[in-house]
C-alpha atoms as a PDB file:
ATOM      1  CA  MET A   1      24.088 -79.024 -30.958  1.00  0.00           C
ATOM      2  CA  ASN A   2      26.705 -76.336 -31.104  1.00  0.00           C
ATOM      3  CA  GLN A   3      27.422 -73.585 -28.571  1.00  0.00           C
ATOM      4  CA  SER A   4      25.285 -71.009 -30.233  1.00  0.00           C
ATOM      5  CA  ASP A   5      22.377 -73.469 -30.275  1.00  0.00           C
ATOM      6  CA  ARG A   6      22.823 -74.116 -26.609  1.00  0.00           C
ATOM      7  CA  THR A   7      23.034 -70.441 -25.856  1.00  0.00           C
ATOM      8  CA  LEU A   8      19.898 -69.626 -27.799  1.00  0.00           C
ATOM      9  CA  GLN A   9      18.068 -72.526 -26.187  1.00  0.00           C
ATOM     10  CA  ALA A  10      19.038 -71.268 -22.679  1.00  0.00           C
ATOM     11  CA  LEU A  11      17.881 -67.712 -23.581  1.00  0.00           C
ATOM     12  CA  ALA A  12      14.653 -68.944 -24.927  1.00  0.00           C
ATOM     13  CA  ASP A  13      13.220 -69.166 -21.399  1.00  0.00           C
ATOM     14  CA  PRO A  14      12.002 -65.709 -20.120  1.00  0.00           C
ATOM     15  CA  ALA A  15      13.043 -66.413 -16.612  1.00  0.00           C
ATOM     16  CA  ARG A  16      16.601 -67.235 -17.611  1.00  0.00           C
ATOM     17  CA  ARG A  17      16.706 -64.035 -19.732  1.00  0.00           C
ATOM     18  CA  ARG A  18      15.663 -62.011 -16.611  1.00  0.00           C
ATOM     19  CA  VAL A  19      18.515 -63.736 -14.584  1.00  0.00           C
ATOM     20  CA  VAL A  20      20.979 -62.728 -17.395  1.00  0.00           C
ATOM     21  CA  GLU A  21      19.627 -59.146 -17.349  1.00  0.00           C
ATOM     22  CA  LEU A  22      19.932 -58.970 -13.655  1.00  0.00           C
ATOM     23  CA  LEU A  23      23.528 -60.347 -13.648  1.00  0.00           C
ATOM     24  CA  ALA A  24      24.381 -57.789 -16.276  1.00  0.00           C
ATOM     25  CA  GLU A  25      24.248 -55.356 -13.421  1.00  0.00           C
ATOM     26  CA  GLY A  26      26.877 -57.278 -11.520  1.00  0.00           C
ATOM     27  CA  PRO A  27      27.451 -60.485  -9.582  1.00  0.00           C
ATOM     28  CA  SER A  28      24.794 -61.675  -7.204  1.00  0.00           C
ATOM     29  CA  ARG A  29      23.822 -64.398  -4.768  1.00  0.00           C
ATOM     30  CA  PRO A  30      21.070 -66.879  -5.691  1.00  0.00           C
ATOM     31  CA  SER A  31      18.885 -65.752  -2.832  1.00  0.00           C
ATOM     32  CA  ASP A  32      19.118 -62.127  -3.960  1.00  0.00           C
ATOM     33  CA  ILE A  33      18.351 -63.137  -7.606  1.00  0.00           C
ATOM     34  CA  ALA A  34      15.291 -65.091  -6.393  1.00  0.00           C
ATOM     35  CA  ALA A  35      14.104 -62.083  -4.361  1.00  0.00           C
ATOM     36  CA  ARG A  36      14.661 -59.557  -7.022  1.00  0.00           C
ATOM     37  CA  LEU A  37      12.891 -61.641  -9.697  1.00  0.00           C
ATOM     38  CA  GLY A  38      10.117 -62.893  -7.590  1.00  0.00           C
ATOM     39  CA  LEU A  39      11.063 -66.501  -8.119  1.00  0.00           C
ATOM     40  CA  SER A  40      11.263 -69.337  -5.559  1.00  0.00           C
ATOM     41  CA  ARG A  41      14.826 -70.613  -4.603  1.00  0.00           C
ATOM     42  CA  PRO A  42      14.344 -74.039  -6.413  1.00  0.00           C
ATOM     43  CA  VAL A  43      13.199 -72.238  -9.584  1.00  0.00           C
ATOM     44  CA  THR A  44      16.100 -69.866  -9.436  1.00  0.00           C
ATOM     45  CA  SER A  45      18.603 -72.741  -8.770  1.00  0.00           C
ATOM     46  CA  ARG A  46      17.362 -74.590 -11.949  1.00  0.00           C
ATOM     47  CA  ARG A  47      17.613 -71.506 -14.056  1.00  0.00           C
ATOM     48  CA  LEU A  48      21.188 -70.767 -12.789  1.00  0.00           C
ATOM     49  CA  ARG A  49      22.187 -74.349 -13.259  1.00  0.00           C
ATOM     50  CA  THR A  50      21.155 -74.292 -16.968  1.00  0.00           C
ATOM     51  CA  LEU A  51      22.882 -70.934 -17.473  1.00  0.00           C
ATOM     52  CA  ARG A  52      26.028 -72.250 -15.777  1.00  0.00           C
ATOM     53  CA  GLU A  53      25.998 -75.528 -17.920  1.00  0.00           C
ATOM     54  CA  THR A  54      25.583 -73.341 -21.005  1.00  0.00           C
ATOM     55  CA  GLY A  55      28.550 -71.143 -20.026  1.00  0.00           C
ATOM     56  CA  LEU A  56      26.555 -67.958 -19.687  1.00  0.00           C
ATOM     57  CA  VAL A  57      27.258 -67.630 -15.940  1.00  0.00           C
ATOM     58  CA  SER A  58      29.960 -68.722 -13.556  1.00  0.00           C
ATOM     59  CA  VAL A  59      29.831 -69.265  -9.907  1.00  0.00           C
ATOM     60  CA  THR A  60      32.385 -68.505  -7.159  1.00  0.00           C
ATOM     61  CA  LEU A  61      32.319 -69.739  -3.606  1.00  0.00           C
ATOM     62  CA  SER A  62      32.781 -67.313  -0.727  1.00  0.00           C
ATOM     63  CA  THR A  63      36.100 -67.567   1.000  1.00  0.00           C
ATOM     64  CA  THR A  64      34.427 -67.337   4.385  1.00  0.00           C
ATOM     65  CA  ASP A  65      31.378 -69.632   3.925  1.00  0.00           C
ATOM     66  CA  ALA A  66      31.472 -72.519   1.483  1.00  0.00           C
ATOM     67  CA  ARG A  67      27.682 -72.549   1.318  1.00  0.00           C
ATOM     68  CA  GLU A  68      27.600 -69.017  -0.080  1.00  0.00           C
ATOM     69  CA  ARG A  69      27.905 -68.502  -3.847  1.00  0.00           C
ATOM     70  CA  ALA A  70      27.944 -65.630  -6.159  1.00  0.00           C
ATOM     71  CA  TYR A  71      26.926 -65.808  -9.837  1.00  0.00           C
ATOM     72  CA  ALA A  72      28.305 -63.542 -12.476  1.00  0.00           C
ATOM     73  CA  LEU A  73      27.583 -63.202 -16.166  1.00  0.00           C
ATOM     74  CA  GLN A  74      30.150 -64.522 -18.657  1.00  0.00           C
ATOM     75  CA  VAL A  75      30.162 -62.152 -21.553  1.00  0.00           C
ATOM     76  CA  ASP A  76      32.170 -64.406 -23.985  1.00  0.00           C
ATOM     77  CA  GLU A  77      29.110 -66.581 -25.031  1.00  0.00           C
ATOM     78  CA  LEU A  78      26.998 -63.447 -25.326  1.00  0.00           C
ATOM     79  CA  ALA A  79      29.675 -61.634 -27.398  1.00  0.00           C
ATOM     80  CA  ALA A  80      29.895 -64.632 -29.740  1.00  0.00           C
ATOM     81  CA  LEU A  81      26.075 -64.672 -30.090  1.00  0.00           C
ATOM     82  CA  GLY A  82      26.146 -60.837 -30.665  1.00  0.00           C
ATOM     83  CA  GLY A  83      28.880 -61.336 -33.321  1.00  0.00           C
ATOM     84  CA  TRP A  84      26.779 -63.939 -35.231  1.00  0.00           C
ATOM     85  CA  LEU A  85      23.652 -61.595 -35.046  1.00  0.00           C
ATOM     86  CA  ASP A  86      25.854 -58.665 -36.243  1.00  0.00           C
ATOM     87  CA  GLY A  87      26.897 -60.738 -39.298  1.00  0.00           C
ATOM     88  CA  LEU A  88      23.294 -61.552 -40.076  1.00  0.00           C
ATOM     89  CA  GLN A  89      22.362 -57.886 -39.901  1.00  0.00           C
ATOM     90  CA  ARG A  90      25.134 -56.848 -42.111  1.00  0.00           C
ATOM     91  CA  ARG A  91      24.087 -59.300 -44.727  1.00  0.00           C
ATOM     92  CA  TRP A  92      20.462 -58.339 -44.551  1.00  0.00           C
ATOM     93  CA  GLN A  93      21.515 -54.561 -44.842  1.00  0.00           C
ATOM     94  CA  ALA A  94      23.694 -55.375 -47.865  1.00  0.00           C
ATOM     95  CA  GLN A  95      20.724 -57.052 -49.582  1.00  0.00           C
ATOM     96  CA  LEU A  96      18.337 -54.064 -48.781  1.00  0.00           C
ATOM     97  CA  ASP A  97      21.043 -51.556 -49.953  1.00  0.00           C
ATOM     98  CA  ALA A  98      21.349 -53.611 -53.205  1.00  0.00           C
ATOM     99  CA  PHE A  99      17.660 -53.680 -53.608  1.00  0.00           C
ATOM    100  CA  ALA A 100      17.379 -49.851 -52.969  1.00  0.00           C
ATOM    101  CA  GLY A 101      20.084 -49.350 -55.598  1.00  0.00           C
ATOM    102  CA  HIS A 102      18.280 -51.469 -58.111  1.00  0.00           C
ATOM    103  CA  VAL A 103      15.015 -49.570 -57.549  1.00  0.00           C
ATOM    104  CA  ALA A 104      16.800 -46.200 -57.961  1.00  0.00           C
ATOM    105  CA  ARG A 105      18.432 -47.349 -61.138  1.00  0.00           C
ATOM    106  CA  THR A 106      15.311 -48.923 -62.792  1.00  0.00           C
ATOM    107  CA  ARG A 107      12.698 -46.355 -61.623  1.00  0.00           C
ATOM    108  CA  PRO A 108      11.472 -44.213 -64.565  1.00  0.00           C
END
């Protein structure tokens, strides 16, 4: 399985997508993520672990309390996925443009 496959698999879960959307606003603590999304702490922890293992989020420890963590979105993986999707869209658009040109040339 390549990185794009892992990224898509991680984003297939609606709760993980909601976490990603929340973290797009800025870094957040797990307890704040759980509260804002209405998820339990264990469910949130599992979602964050999967996103971290996939490389979609990173975690930093507080300098004052080692038990406190903050999660942040890692845009590199999303940018790579976005680039792949943009390439697909360009190819589809080129095919549609070619078809439109063919129709215009062959229409009586």
